[in-house]
Structures are given as structure tokens and as C-alpha cells.
N, C-alpha and C. Protein backbone atom coordinates (compact mmCIF):
# COMPACT_ATOMS: atom_id res chain seq x y z
N MET A 1 -54.70 9.91 10.91
CA MET A 1 -55.89 9.45 10.67
C MET A 1 -55.15 7.94 9.75
N GLY A 2 -54.25 8.04 9.51
CA GLY A 2 -53.82 6.90 8.99
C GLY A 2 -53.49 5.78 9.52
N SER A 3 -53.38 4.78 8.79
CA SER A 3 -52.95 3.31 10.30
C SER A 3 -51.75 3.34 10.56
N THR A 4 -50.61 3.93 10.13
CA THR A 4 -49.56 3.39 10.45
C THR A 4 -49.29 4.77 11.10
N SER A 5 -50.50 5.55 11.72
CA SER A 5 -50.36 6.73 12.73
C SER A 5 -49.58 6.19 13.78
N GLY A 6 -48.50 6.71 14.54
CA GLY A 6 -48.11 6.43 15.59
C GLY A 6 -47.42 4.95 16.25
N THR A 7 -47.67 4.06 15.33
CA THR A 7 -47.45 2.46 15.36
C THR A 7 -46.36 1.89 14.36
N GLY A 8 -45.94 2.52 13.38
CA GLY A 8 -45.19 1.77 12.89
C GLY A 8 -45.21 -0.22 12.54
N THR A 9 -45.99 -0.05 12.98
CA THR A 9 -46.17 -2.12 12.91
C THR A 9 -46.36 -2.50 11.51
N GLY A 10 -46.54 -1.72 10.19
CA GLY A 10 -46.82 -2.02 9.50
C GLY A 10 -45.89 -3.41 8.85
N VAL A 11 -45.76 -3.89 8.00
CA VAL A 11 -44.98 -4.87 8.00
C VAL A 11 -45.32 -4.76 5.55
N GLY A 12 -43.72 -5.67 5.37
CA GLY A 12 -43.68 -5.41 3.83
C GLY A 12 -43.05 -4.33 3.72
N LEU A 13 -43.14 -3.43 2.68
CA LEU A 13 -42.80 -2.80 1.62
C LEU A 13 -42.94 -0.59 2.78
N ARG A 14 -44.51 -1.34 3.55
CA ARG A 14 -45.19 -0.11 4.03
C ARG A 14 -44.16 0.09 5.52
N GLY A 15 -44.48 -0.97 5.47
CA GLY A 15 -43.09 -1.72 7.58
C GLY A 15 -42.44 -0.79 6.95
N LEU A 16 -41.30 -0.72 6.09
CA LEU A 16 -40.13 -0.61 5.69
C LEU A 16 -39.79 1.16 5.74
N THR A 17 -41.17 1.52 4.66
CA THR A 17 -41.03 2.53 4.32
C THR A 17 -41.11 3.77 6.15
N TYR A 18 -42.25 2.91 6.48
CA TYR A 18 -42.39 4.29 7.89
C TYR A 18 -41.42 4.07 8.80
N ARG A 19 -40.48 2.44 8.65
CA ARG A 19 -39.12 2.71 9.49
C ARG A 19 -38.48 3.52 9.01
N LEU A 20 -38.26 3.66 7.78
CA LEU A 20 -37.38 4.53 6.79
C LEU A 20 -37.68 6.20 7.40
N ILE A 21 -38.55 6.06 7.07
CA ILE A 21 -39.43 8.25 7.52
C ILE A 21 -38.79 8.57 8.93
N GLU A 22 -39.36 6.83 9.87
CA GLU A 22 -39.01 7.18 10.96
C GLU A 22 -37.40 7.34 11.78
N THR A 23 -37.01 6.58 10.83
CA THR A 23 -35.28 6.57 11.61
C THR A 23 -34.84 8.33 10.59
N TRP A 24 -35.55 8.64 9.43
CA TRP A 24 -34.97 10.03 8.74
C TRP A 24 -35.27 11.14 9.76
N ALA A 25 -36.48 10.74 10.37
CA ALA A 25 -36.77 12.11 11.18
C ALA A 25 -35.61 12.27 12.10
N LEU A 26 -35.33 10.83 13.20
CA LEU A 26 -34.59 10.81 14.48
C LEU A 26 -33.27 10.74 14.23
N LEU A 27 -33.11 11.24 12.90
CA LEU A 27 -31.55 11.52 12.00
C LEU A 27 -31.60 12.91 12.14
N GLY A 28 -32.57 13.98 11.90
CA GLY A 28 -33.03 15.47 12.08
C GLY A 28 -32.82 15.69 13.39
N GLY A 29 -33.39 14.49 14.43
CA GLY A 29 -33.01 15.18 15.40
C GLY A 29 -31.83 15.35 15.74
N ILE A 30 -30.71 14.53 15.32
CA ILE A 30 -29.40 14.39 15.92
C ILE A 30 -29.38 15.66 15.43
N VAL A 31 -29.23 15.74 14.22
CA VAL A 31 -28.60 17.23 13.47
C VAL A 31 -28.92 18.52 14.32
N ILE A 32 -30.36 18.20 15.38
CA ILE A 32 -30.74 19.38 15.47
C ILE A 32 -30.24 19.98 17.23
N LEU A 33 -29.75 18.31 17.66
CA LEU A 33 -29.33 18.12 18.89
C LEU A 33 -27.53 18.64 18.80
N LEU A 34 -27.26 18.52 17.50
CA LEU A 34 -25.69 18.93 17.14
C LEU A 34 -25.85 20.43 17.33
N VAL A 35 -26.53 21.00 16.44
CA VAL A 35 -26.78 22.52 16.41
C VAL A 35 -27.06 23.09 17.78
N VAL A 36 -27.62 22.56 18.80
CA VAL A 36 -27.59 23.02 20.20
C VAL A 36 -26.22 22.86 20.76
N ALA A 37 -25.29 21.80 20.34
CA ALA A 37 -24.54 21.62 21.17
C ALA A 37 -23.09 22.84 20.29
N VAL A 38 -23.21 23.01 19.41
CA VAL A 38 -22.27 23.56 18.47
C VAL A 38 -22.87 25.44 19.43
N GLN A 39 -24.12 25.45 19.48
CA GLN A 39 -24.22 26.83 20.12
C GLN A 39 -23.77 27.46 21.56
N THR A 40 -24.07 25.78 22.10
CA THR A 40 -23.49 25.94 24.12
C THR A 40 -22.40 25.84 23.90
N ILE A 41 -21.77 25.46 23.05
CA ILE A 41 -20.19 25.36 22.84
C ILE A 41 -18.99 26.73 22.21
N SER A 42 -20.12 27.24 21.32
CA SER A 42 -20.21 28.96 20.62
C SER A 42 -20.44 29.81 21.82
N VAL A 43 -21.45 29.71 22.92
CA VAL A 43 -21.09 30.72 24.10
C VAL A 43 -20.70 30.28 25.42
N VAL A 44 -19.97 29.15 25.25
CA VAL A 44 -19.26 29.17 26.70
C VAL A 44 -18.13 29.57 25.96
N THR A 45 -17.68 29.50 25.01
CA THR A 45 -16.15 29.61 24.42
C THR A 45 -16.14 31.36 24.19
N GLY A 46 -17.36 31.75 24.19
CA GLY A 46 -17.09 33.24 24.01
C GLY A 46 -17.61 33.77 25.01
N ALA A 47 -18.16 32.90 26.60
CA ALA A 47 -17.81 33.79 27.43
C ALA A 47 -16.09 34.43 27.90
N PHE A 48 -15.22 33.54 27.18
CA PHE A 48 -13.84 33.55 27.15
C PHE A 48 -13.11 34.37 26.19
N GLY A 49 -13.58 35.12 25.69
CA GLY A 49 -13.65 35.62 23.88
C GLY A 49 -13.41 35.05 22.91
N ARG A 50 -13.17 33.91 22.93
CA ARG A 50 -13.38 32.67 21.97
C ARG A 50 -14.17 31.96 21.50
N PRO A 51 -15.47 32.49 20.94
CA PRO A 51 -16.57 31.78 20.39
C PRO A 51 -16.51 30.87 19.06
N LEU A 52 -16.86 30.13 18.96
CA LEU A 52 -16.83 29.21 17.67
C LEU A 52 -17.45 30.08 16.19
N PRO A 53 -16.09 30.32 15.52
CA PRO A 53 -16.99 30.90 14.32
C PRO A 53 -17.51 29.84 13.24
N GLY A 54 -17.89 30.57 12.61
CA GLY A 54 -19.30 30.41 11.77
C GLY A 54 -20.24 29.60 12.15
N ASP A 55 -20.68 29.30 13.58
CA ASP A 55 -21.44 29.35 14.44
C ASP A 55 -22.97 29.35 13.71
N PHE A 56 -23.10 30.41 13.75
CA PHE A 56 -24.34 30.61 13.08
C PHE A 56 -24.47 29.92 11.66
N GLU A 57 -23.46 29.87 10.83
CA GLU A 57 -23.51 29.11 9.93
C GLU A 57 -24.28 27.52 9.90
N LEU A 58 -23.48 27.08 11.12
CA LEU A 58 -23.47 25.81 11.43
C LEU A 58 -25.17 25.79 11.43
N THR A 59 -25.67 27.07 12.55
CA THR A 59 -26.76 26.96 12.90
C THR A 59 -27.85 26.95 11.97
N GLU A 60 -27.52 27.77 10.88
CA GLU A 60 -28.71 28.00 9.40
C GLU A 60 -28.61 26.29 8.82
N LEU A 61 -27.99 26.03 8.23
CA LEU A 61 -27.44 24.60 7.75
C LEU A 61 -28.42 23.60 8.02
N GLY A 62 -27.93 23.76 9.41
CA GLY A 62 -28.78 22.43 10.17
C GLY A 62 -29.95 22.18 10.79
N VAL A 63 -29.77 23.64 11.03
CA VAL A 63 -32.11 23.69 11.35
C VAL A 63 -33.04 23.51 10.06
N ALA A 64 -32.17 24.01 8.80
CA ALA A 64 -32.55 23.76 7.94
C ALA A 64 -32.72 22.65 7.77
N VAL A 65 -31.50 21.57 7.83
CA VAL A 65 -31.66 20.38 7.57
C VAL A 65 -32.72 19.49 8.71
N GLY A 66 -32.15 19.45 9.81
CA GLY A 66 -33.24 18.75 10.44
C GLY A 66 -35.01 19.77 10.36
N VAL A 67 -35.20 20.39 10.39
CA VAL A 67 -36.64 20.94 10.02
C VAL A 67 -37.11 20.41 9.14
N PHE A 68 -36.77 19.94 7.72
CA PHE A 68 -37.17 19.19 6.32
C PHE A 68 -37.02 18.24 6.97
N ALA A 69 -36.42 17.27 7.85
CA ALA A 69 -36.58 16.15 8.13
C ALA A 69 -36.77 15.48 8.79
N PHE A 70 -38.09 16.51 9.65
CA PHE A 70 -39.23 15.78 10.50
C PHE A 70 -40.29 15.90 9.30
N LEU A 71 -40.55 16.47 8.66
CA LEU A 71 -41.96 16.75 7.05
C LEU A 71 -42.60 15.13 7.06
N PRO A 72 -41.67 14.47 6.41
CA PRO A 72 -42.47 12.85 6.21
C PRO A 72 -42.78 12.07 7.20
N TYR A 73 -42.51 12.26 8.27
CA TYR A 73 -42.60 11.95 9.51
C TYR A 73 -44.14 12.67 9.90
N CYS A 74 -44.12 13.90 9.83
CA CYS A 74 -45.41 14.76 9.98
C CYS A 74 -46.39 13.99 8.92
N GLN A 75 -46.22 14.44 7.97
CA GLN A 75 -46.95 13.62 7.13
C GLN A 75 -47.78 12.27 6.80
N LEU A 76 -46.95 11.28 7.73
CA LEU A 76 -47.21 10.03 7.16
C LEU A 76 -47.72 10.22 9.16
N THR A 77 -47.62 10.44 9.89
CA THR A 77 -48.14 10.03 10.88
C THR A 77 -49.23 11.29 11.37
N ASP A 78 -49.91 11.92 10.55
CA ASP A 78 -50.93 12.58 10.69
C ASP A 78 -50.67 14.15 11.43
N ALA A 79 -49.06 14.21 11.99
CA ALA A 79 -48.89 15.28 12.85
C ALA A 79 -49.31 16.76 12.18
N ASN A 80 -49.34 16.78 11.14
CA ASN A 80 -49.37 18.19 10.60
C ASN A 80 -50.72 18.84 11.66
N VAL A 81 -50.52 20.42 10.90
CA VAL A 81 -51.33 21.39 11.94
C VAL A 81 -52.12 21.19 11.58
N THR A 82 -53.43 20.76 12.22
CA THR A 82 -55.25 20.73 12.04
C THR A 82 -56.27 21.33 12.45
N ALA A 83 -57.27 22.07 11.66
CA ALA A 83 -58.18 22.24 12.48
C ALA A 83 -59.41 21.53 13.22
N ASP A 84 -58.91 20.99 13.95
CA ASP A 84 -60.25 19.74 14.61
C ASP A 84 -61.35 20.24 14.64
N ILE A 85 -61.34 21.57 15.21
CA ILE A 85 -62.64 22.14 15.22
C ILE A 85 -63.65 22.11 14.23
N PHE A 86 -63.15 21.78 13.14
CA PHE A 86 -63.89 21.83 11.91
C PHE A 86 -64.08 20.51 11.67
N THR A 87 -63.42 19.99 12.04
CA THR A 87 -63.56 18.10 11.51
C THR A 87 -64.10 17.63 12.75
N SER A 88 -64.15 17.36 13.93
CA SER A 88 -64.29 17.12 15.03
C SER A 88 -65.86 16.33 14.97
N GLY A 89 -66.44 16.93 14.14
CA GLY A 89 -68.02 16.21 14.22
C GLY A 89 -68.23 15.95 12.62
N LEU A 90 -67.36 15.65 12.16
CA LEU A 90 -67.92 14.90 11.20
C LEU A 90 -67.51 13.28 10.82
N ASN A 91 -68.15 12.67 10.61
CA ASN A 91 -68.09 11.19 10.54
C ASN A 91 -66.40 10.42 9.74
N ARG A 92 -66.45 9.46 9.94
CA ARG A 92 -64.85 8.87 9.74
C ARG A 92 -65.08 9.00 7.92
N ARG A 93 -65.57 8.54 7.59
CA ARG A 93 -65.73 8.57 6.32
C ARG A 93 -65.20 10.06 5.58
N ASN A 94 -66.04 10.86 6.37
CA ASN A 94 -66.31 12.73 5.58
C ASN A 94 -64.43 13.06 5.64
N ARG A 95 -63.83 12.68 7.07
CA ARG A 95 -62.61 13.22 8.09
C ARG A 95 -61.49 12.29 6.38
N ALA A 96 -62.14 10.97 6.35
CA ALA A 96 -60.78 10.37 5.13
C ALA A 96 -60.92 10.93 4.06
N ILE A 97 -61.97 11.54 3.74
CA ILE A 97 -62.35 12.06 2.33
C ILE A 97 -61.38 13.63 2.36
N LEU A 98 -61.24 14.51 4.00
CA LEU A 98 -60.75 15.60 3.64
C LEU A 98 -58.96 14.82 3.98
N VAL A 99 -58.36 14.20 4.57
CA VAL A 99 -57.35 13.70 4.15
C VAL A 99 -56.58 13.30 3.25
N PHE A 100 -57.73 12.22 2.18
CA PHE A 100 -56.93 12.13 1.06
C PHE A 100 -56.60 13.38 -0.11
N PHE A 101 -57.84 14.31 0.08
CA PHE A 101 -57.49 15.34 -0.37
C PHE A 101 -56.35 16.46 -0.02
N ALA A 102 -55.83 16.34 1.45
CA ALA A 102 -54.74 16.85 2.41
C ALA A 102 -53.92 16.17 1.11
N ALA A 103 -53.63 14.52 1.63
CA ALA A 103 -52.48 13.88 0.73
C ALA A 103 -52.10 14.40 -0.41
N VAL A 104 -53.19 14.89 -1.43
CA VAL A 104 -53.15 15.11 -2.96
C VAL A 104 -52.23 16.46 -2.99
N ILE A 105 -52.82 17.56 -1.91
CA ILE A 105 -52.30 18.50 -2.01
C ILE A 105 -50.41 18.70 -1.39
N ALA A 106 -50.35 17.44 -0.43
CA ALA A 106 -48.88 17.39 0.26
C ALA A 106 -48.17 16.62 -1.36
N LEU A 107 -48.71 15.71 -1.69
CA LEU A 107 -48.41 15.22 -2.68
C LEU A 107 -47.87 15.89 -4.04
N ILE A 108 -49.02 16.84 -4.54
CA ILE A 108 -48.59 17.89 -5.41
C ILE A 108 -47.20 18.98 -4.41
N PHE A 109 -47.56 19.14 -3.54
CA PHE A 109 -46.41 20.74 -3.16
C PHE A 109 -45.02 19.56 -2.83
N ALA A 110 -44.77 18.16 -2.72
CA ALA A 110 -43.38 17.54 -2.26
C ALA A 110 -42.88 17.28 -3.83
N VAL A 111 -44.01 16.78 -4.75
CA VAL A 111 -42.87 16.72 -6.13
C VAL A 111 -42.49 17.80 -6.99
N VAL A 112 -43.38 18.75 -6.44
CA VAL A 112 -42.42 20.35 -7.37
C VAL A 112 -41.94 20.78 -6.28
N MET A 113 -42.00 20.83 -4.91
CA MET A 113 -40.63 21.03 -4.17
C MET A 113 -39.16 20.54 -4.37
N ALA A 114 -39.46 18.92 -4.23
CA ALA A 114 -38.38 18.05 -4.42
C ALA A 114 -37.90 18.49 -6.21
N TRP A 115 -38.39 18.77 -7.52
CA TRP A 115 -38.12 18.96 -7.97
C TRP A 115 -37.36 20.52 -8.36
N ARG A 116 -38.40 21.31 -7.86
CA ARG A 116 -37.35 22.85 -8.03
C ARG A 116 -35.84 22.84 -6.89
N THR A 117 -35.80 22.27 -5.41
CA THR A 117 -35.06 22.09 -4.72
C THR A 117 -34.06 21.64 -5.05
N TRP A 118 -34.34 20.49 -6.25
CA TRP A 118 -32.93 19.79 -6.91
C TRP A 118 -32.19 20.32 -7.66
N ILE A 119 -33.25 21.11 -8.39
CA ILE A 119 -32.63 22.56 -9.77
C ILE A 119 -31.85 23.42 -8.55
N GLY A 120 -31.90 23.79 -7.25
CA GLY A 120 -31.06 24.87 -6.47
C GLY A 120 -30.32 24.39 -6.68
N THR A 121 -30.16 22.89 -5.75
CA THR A 121 -29.19 21.99 -5.18
C THR A 121 -27.87 21.98 -6.49
N GLN A 122 -28.35 21.53 -7.86
CA GLN A 122 -27.40 21.64 -8.92
C GLN A 122 -26.87 23.34 -8.83
N ASP A 123 -27.62 24.10 -9.23
CA ASP A 123 -27.03 25.62 -9.06
C ASP A 123 -26.39 25.69 -8.14
N GLN A 124 -26.47 25.72 -6.86
CA GLN A 124 -25.70 25.61 -5.79
C GLN A 124 -24.05 25.50 -5.80
N PHE A 125 -23.98 23.74 -6.47
CA PHE A 125 -22.19 23.34 -6.94
C PHE A 125 -21.58 24.15 -8.12
N ALA A 126 -23.02 24.54 -9.10
CA ALA A 126 -22.46 24.86 -10.08
C ALA A 126 -22.18 26.60 -10.20
N TYR A 127 -22.24 26.82 -9.41
CA TYR A 127 -22.17 28.41 -8.95
C TYR A 127 -21.48 28.19 -7.72
N ASP A 128 -20.70 27.66 -6.86
CA ASP A 128 -20.05 27.41 -6.10
C ASP A 128 -20.59 27.77 -4.83
N TYR A 129 -21.37 28.52 -4.24
CA TYR A 129 -21.41 28.69 -3.36
C TYR A 129 -21.31 27.99 -1.69
N GLN A 130 -20.81 29.10 -1.20
CA GLN A 130 -20.26 28.78 0.34
C GLN A 130 -20.31 29.55 1.19
N THR A 131 -20.44 28.89 2.21
CA THR A 131 -20.62 29.97 3.63
C THR A 131 -19.82 30.62 3.65
N ALA A 132 -19.85 31.94 4.55
CA ALA A 132 -18.75 32.62 4.01
C ALA A 132 -17.44 32.16 5.14
N ILE A 133 -17.70 32.25 6.37
CA ILE A 133 -16.76 31.92 7.13
C ILE A 133 -16.02 30.70 7.07
N LEU A 134 -16.90 29.43 6.91
CA LEU A 134 -16.32 28.04 6.94
C LEU A 134 -16.09 27.43 5.72
N GLN A 135 -16.21 28.48 4.71
CA GLN A 135 -16.40 28.11 3.21
C GLN A 135 -16.87 26.42 2.93
N ILE A 136 -18.08 26.44 3.45
CA ILE A 136 -18.65 24.96 3.41
C ILE A 136 -19.67 24.87 2.25
N PRO A 137 -19.93 23.83 1.60
CA PRO A 137 -20.35 24.32 -0.06
C PRO A 137 -22.41 24.17 0.42
N ILE A 138 -22.63 25.57 -0.07
CA ILE A 138 -24.20 25.19 0.45
C ILE A 138 -25.19 24.03 -0.13
N GLY A 139 -24.98 23.39 -1.50
CA GLY A 139 -25.07 22.38 -1.75
C GLY A 139 -25.40 21.41 -1.05
N TYR A 140 -24.43 20.80 -0.18
CA TYR A 140 -24.35 19.48 0.51
C TYR A 140 -25.65 19.72 1.71
N ALA A 141 -25.87 20.93 1.95
CA ALA A 141 -27.30 21.33 2.93
C ALA A 141 -28.44 20.42 2.13
N PHE A 142 -28.37 21.13 0.91
CA PHE A 142 -29.45 20.73 -0.16
C PHE A 142 -29.81 19.37 -0.41
N ILE A 143 -28.83 18.68 -0.50
CA ILE A 143 -29.01 16.74 -1.02
C ILE A 143 -30.10 16.00 0.29
N PRO A 144 -29.76 16.66 1.83
CA PRO A 144 -30.87 15.88 2.46
C PRO A 144 -32.38 16.84 2.47
N ILE A 145 -32.43 18.11 2.32
CA ILE A 145 -33.76 18.43 1.99
C ILE A 145 -34.66 18.27 1.24
N VAL A 146 -33.82 17.95 -0.33
CA VAL A 146 -34.29 17.14 -1.70
C VAL A 146 -34.86 15.57 -0.84
N ILE A 147 -33.96 14.92 -0.24
CA ILE A 147 -34.29 13.57 0.05
C ILE A 147 -35.46 14.03 0.81
N SER A 148 -35.69 14.76 2.00
CA SER A 148 -36.96 14.71 2.87
C SER A 148 -37.79 15.17 1.96
N LEU A 149 -37.58 15.65 1.13
CA LEU A 149 -39.14 15.97 -0.49
C LEU A 149 -39.28 15.09 -1.08
N VAL A 150 -38.42 14.43 -1.19
CA VAL A 150 -38.75 13.05 -2.12
C VAL A 150 -39.49 12.32 -0.75
N LEU A 151 -39.14 11.88 0.57
CA LEU A 151 -39.48 11.44 1.21
C LEU A 151 -41.33 11.95 1.87
N VAL A 152 -41.19 12.97 1.83
CA VAL A 152 -42.68 13.13 2.19
C VAL A 152 -44.07 13.13 0.48
N ALA A 153 -43.02 13.03 -0.18
CA ALA A 153 -44.40 12.47 -1.12
C ALA A 153 -44.32 11.11 -1.52
N VAL A 154 -43.34 10.25 -0.93
CA VAL A 154 -43.75 8.83 -0.39
C VAL A 154 -44.62 8.61 0.37
N ALA A 155 -44.75 9.35 1.70
CA ALA A 155 -45.77 9.28 3.08
C ALA A 155 -47.12 9.49 2.79
N ALA A 156 -46.94 11.08 1.42
CA ALA A 156 -48.13 11.43 0.76
C ALA A 156 -48.96 10.30 0.60
N VAL A 157 -48.41 9.68 -1.11
CA VAL A 157 -49.02 8.74 -1.14
C VAL A 157 -49.30 7.16 -0.38
N MET A 158 -48.58 7.15 0.94
CA MET A 158 -49.14 6.32 1.58
C MET A 158 -49.91 6.55 2.36
N THR A 159 -50.33 7.64 2.81
CA THR A 159 -51.79 8.83 3.17
C THR A 159 -52.93 8.63 2.72
N LEU A 160 -52.01 8.57 0.84
CA LEU A 160 -53.52 9.16 -0.24
C LEU A 160 -54.59 7.69 -0.17
N LEU A 161 -53.18 6.67 -0.18
CA LEU A 161 -53.71 5.25 -0.24
C LEU A 161 -54.55 4.69 0.61
N GLU A 162 -54.45 5.18 2.06
CA GLU A 162 -54.56 4.44 3.47
C GLU A 162 -55.79 5.16 3.41
N SER A 163 -56.28 6.84 3.04
CA SER A 163 -57.31 7.16 3.08
C SER A 163 -58.21 6.78 2.42
N PHE A 164 -58.15 6.75 0.75
CA PHE A 164 -58.81 6.48 0.38
C PHE A 164 -59.71 4.64 0.46
N ASP A 165 -58.26 3.80 1.30
CA ASP A 165 -59.18 2.62 1.55
C ASP A 165 -59.95 2.60 2.21
N GLU A 166 -60.13 3.88 3.29
CA GLU A 166 -60.86 3.81 4.20
C GLU A 166 -62.39 4.59 3.89
N ILE A 167 -62.40 5.26 2.88
CA ILE A 167 -63.07 5.78 2.19
C ILE A 167 -64.11 4.84 1.37
N ALA A 168 -63.49 4.20 0.56
CA ALA A 168 -64.08 2.69 -0.23
C ALA A 168 -64.07 1.69 0.79
N HIS A 169 -64.27 1.35 1.95
CA HIS A 169 -64.31 0.23 2.90
C HIS A 169 -63.81 0.78 4.26
N PRO A 170 -64.81 1.89 4.50
CA PRO A 170 -65.02 2.06 6.19
C PRO A 170 -65.38 1.64 7.04
N SER A 171 -66.14 0.18 6.96
CA SER A 171 -66.33 -0.86 8.02
C SER A 171 -65.34 -2.04 8.28
N ARG A 172 -64.07 -2.11 7.27
CA ARG A 172 -63.06 -2.37 7.22
C ARG A 172 -62.19 -1.85 7.77
N ASN A 173 -62.14 -0.26 8.69
CA ASN A 173 -60.90 0.19 9.22
C ASN A 173 -61.68 0.29 10.37
N VAL A 174 -62.01 -0.49 11.85
CA VAL A 174 -62.61 0.32 12.48
C VAL A 174 -61.67 0.36 13.76
N SER A 175 -60.47 -0.13 13.35
CA SER A 175 -59.19 -0.20 14.52
C SER A 175 -58.98 1.77 14.91
N HIS A 176 -59.55 2.52 14.18
CA HIS A 176 -58.78 3.72 14.31
C HIS A 176 -59.98 5.08 15.10
């Protein structure tokens, strides 16, 4: 719904934010590709009786980081799951109102989750939680997750502002 949806052509702070969120999602994709590579290596070496130790630990951490990295991009580009069957008959202004309220909910959710996950991150380090086999401190996986949640909040603010602009000035935004 937002004007940055799929384009990334914004200028100034808006364009920079879009590119940052897009880059963050691409990094999440690289993490997922690395997880696939680790699993592939583990399967191949496992066929010869020497699977990669701790491959499931790397998979758990990598998938969590990768999935959270996609969330800001989904918020920014309106790629979240929606029930279009219920909204397809609405006019642009009413759809913008729904997007506005969804952005408010996403913002609240992201802020609360970032705050609580940051507290969890501190606990992970305070209690020295580590993976069982590779002894990787689990707190390191929480850091990019917190960053992702902060970026979800930023993306929610952007979509909130865009939808508010569309509600207030529907005739000005005819390119959607």
C-alpha cells in the first residue's frame, strides 16, 4: 500500500531507510543461504560417517536471525499476509485507514518485542547461555534480532506516515 512498496526510489531519509531495510533483508537471505550450505555439507559429510558437529545449532540460530531480518522489509513493502478478499471492495481511503491501524499495531508490537528481546539478550549474556555442542553464546543471535525489531518499528512508522498522508490527501496519491 505504501508508496515505497517495491520501488525503493525514495530520496533523503526515506530512501536511505528503505535501502537500509532492503539491505538488512538481503543479509538475512545470505544467512539463510549459509544455513542451507551448512546443512548440505553436513548431509554430504554425514553420508561418509562424519556429519558436521552442531549443524542443528547453527540452523536454529541462523534461521531465527534470517527470518527476523525479513520482517522489516515485509512491513515496509506491505508484504505481510493480508485478507484481500475482505478489503478488495474498499476504496483507497478506507484501505489506507486499515493500513494505518495495522501500522500502529505493528509499531506497538515491534517496540514491545524489541524492548523485551533486548532484556532477554542481556540475560543470555549474564547467564552465559551457550549452545551445547559448539559453545556459541546464544546472546549473539539475539543482537541482530533486536536490530530487526527496531527496523520493523522504523518501517511501521514509515507505513503509518504514508497511510496517514493517503487518508488526509487521497487525491494527491494517485500513483498507487
